[in-house]
């Protein structure tokens, strides 16, 4: 189940109406628990961790997937369970758009999400 934040809801409505800025999720972050609707629980900003610039395939059937692979560096000591989409690549900055659980939790110093493996659904 997707966890839509205010920025994501506004962009969805603007997109449907054909007004305003609609790309509010150009950066993906990793989260250690649910993002909720505000983007809580982002992975610790330590070591080489950074949000990753993300491009998207066109939505189909109410779902959108990432068009390129994403590789994150983490300390590898805490399980990552969710991904979140942000308007900024800077940790702690920007507007949270939407989040979703990963298929399974991952604990690793290097986490790669393959092209097409990150799926965001509108519901």
Protein backbone atom coordinates (compact mmCIF):
# COMPACT_ATOMS: atom_id res chain seq x y z
CA UNK A 1 0.00 0.00 0.00
CA UNK A 2 1.39 3.38 -1.00
CA UNK A 3 1.73 6.06 1.65
CA UNK A 4 0.88 9.37 -0.01
CA UNK A 5 2.16 12.61 1.49
CA UNK A 6 0.65 16.07 0.98
CA UNK A 7 3.09 16.97 -1.82
CA UNK A 8 2.22 13.74 -3.63
CA UNK A 9 -1.51 14.29 -3.24
CA UNK A 10 -1.25 17.86 -4.53
CA UNK A 11 0.88 16.77 -7.50
CA UNK A 12 -1.57 13.98 -8.36
CA UNK A 13 -4.48 16.39 -8.35
CA UNK A 14 -2.51 19.00 -10.33
CA UNK A 15 -1.51 16.32 -12.84
CA UNK A 16 -5.09 15.24 -13.31
CA UNK A 17 -6.09 18.87 -13.85
CA UNK A 18 -3.07 19.65 -16.05
CA UNK A 19 -1.83 22.47 -13.78
CA UNK A 20 1.19 23.12 -11.57
CA UNK A 21 4.39 21.17 -11.11
CA UNK A 22 3.84 17.43 -11.19
CA UNK A 23 7.35 15.95 -10.75
CA UNK A 24 7.66 15.99 -6.97
CA UNK A 25 9.44 12.65 -6.71
CA UNK A 26 12.77 12.87 -8.53
CA UNK A 27 14.74 11.41 -5.60
CA UNK A 28 14.41 8.05 -3.83
CA UNK A 29 15.37 7.52 -0.20
CA UNK A 30 15.62 4.36 1.88
CA UNK A 31 13.66 4.08 5.13
CA UNK A 32 14.08 1.72 8.09
CA UNK A 33 10.35 1.51 8.86
CA UNK A 34 7.15 2.87 7.35
CA UNK A 35 7.42 6.34 5.85
CA UNK A 36 3.93 7.18 7.05
CA UNK A 37 2.54 10.15 5.15
CA UNK A 38 5.39 12.48 6.18
CA UNK A 39 8.55 10.55 5.22
CA UNK A 40 9.61 9.43 8.69
CA UNK A 41 12.33 6.84 9.40
CA UNK A 42 14.76 7.75 6.60
CA UNK A 43 17.97 5.73 6.73
CA UNK A 44 20.68 7.36 8.87
CA UNK A 45 22.60 10.12 7.11
CA UNK A 46 26.02 8.62 7.75
CA UNK A 47 28.84 7.18 5.71
CA UNK A 48 28.13 7.48 1.99
CA UNK A 49 24.32 7.28 2.20
CA UNK A 50 22.54 9.66 -0.17
CA UNK A 51 19.15 9.88 -1.84
CA UNK A 52 19.32 8.75 -5.46
CA UNK A 53 18.04 10.62 -8.53
CA UNK A 54 15.24 8.53 -10.01
CA UNK A 55 13.61 8.40 -13.42
CA UNK A 56 10.27 6.69 -13.96
CA UNK A 57 8.56 4.64 -16.64
CA UNK A 58 5.14 5.83 -17.75
CA UNK A 59 2.38 4.70 -15.41
CA UNK A 60 0.30 1.73 -16.50
CA UNK A 61 -2.56 0.07 -14.67
CA UNK A 62 -2.25 2.53 -11.81
CA UNK A 63 1.39 1.61 -11.14
CA UNK A 64 4.71 3.28 -11.97
CA UNK A 65 8.19 1.68 -11.84
CA UNK A 66 11.71 3.08 -11.83
CA UNK A 67 13.35 3.10 -15.26
CA UNK A 68 16.96 2.77 -14.08
CA UNK A 69 18.80 0.90 -11.34
CA UNK A 70 19.40 2.70 -8.04
CA UNK A 71 22.39 1.92 -5.83
CA UNK A 72 22.63 3.12 -2.23
CA UNK A 73 25.49 2.95 0.25
CA UNK A 74 24.52 2.40 3.89
CA UNK A 75 26.32 1.39 7.06
CA UNK A 76 24.84 -2.08 6.56
CA UNK A 77 23.81 -2.46 10.20
CA UNK A 78 20.10 -1.59 10.04
CA UNK A 79 17.41 -3.26 7.95
CA UNK A 80 15.85 -1.11 5.25
CA UNK A 81 12.15 -1.88 4.72
CA UNK A 82 10.66 1.02 2.72
CA UNK A 83 11.45 3.48 -0.07
CA UNK A 84 10.29 7.07 -0.11
CA UNK A 85 10.09 9.64 -2.88
CA UNK A 86 11.29 13.19 -2.24
CA UNK A 87 11.50 16.52 -4.06
CA UNK A 88 15.12 17.05 -2.89
CA UNK A 89 18.28 14.97 -3.03
CA UNK A 90 19.45 16.48 0.27
CA UNK A 91 18.90 14.44 3.43
CA UNK A 92 16.38 16.13 5.71
CA UNK A 93 15.26 18.57 3.00
CA UNK A 94 12.45 18.77 0.48
CA UNK A 95 8.89 17.56 0.43
CA UNK A 96 7.90 13.94 0.90
CA UNK A 97 5.66 12.70 -1.93
CA UNK A 98 4.96 8.98 -1.47
CA UNK A 99 6.40 5.87 0.10
CA UNK A 100 5.95 2.13 -0.18
CA UNK A 101 7.28 -1.05 1.43
CA UNK A 102 10.05 -2.99 -0.26
CA UNK A 103 9.34 -6.59 -1.22
CA UNK A 104 11.53 -7.69 1.71
CA UNK A 105 13.82 -6.04 4.23
CA UNK A 106 17.48 -5.62 3.28
CA UNK A 107 20.53 -5.21 5.53
CA UNK A 108 23.62 -4.51 3.45
CA UNK A 109 26.30 -1.85 2.96
CA UNK A 110 25.34 -1.66 -0.72
CA UNK A 111 21.69 -1.89 -1.76
CA UNK A 112 20.71 -1.94 -5.43
CA UNK A 113 17.14 -1.64 -6.62
CA UNK A 114 17.02 -2.99 -10.17
CA UNK A 115 15.27 -1.10 -12.97
CA UNK A 116 11.55 -1.84 -12.73
CA UNK A 117 11.81 -3.26 -9.20
CA UNK A 118 10.58 -0.17 -7.37
CA UNK A 119 6.84 -0.06 -7.86
CA UNK A 120 4.60 2.80 -6.72
CA UNK A 121 0.87 2.25 -7.01
CA UNK A 122 -1.96 4.75 -6.87
CA UNK A 123 -4.79 3.50 -4.73
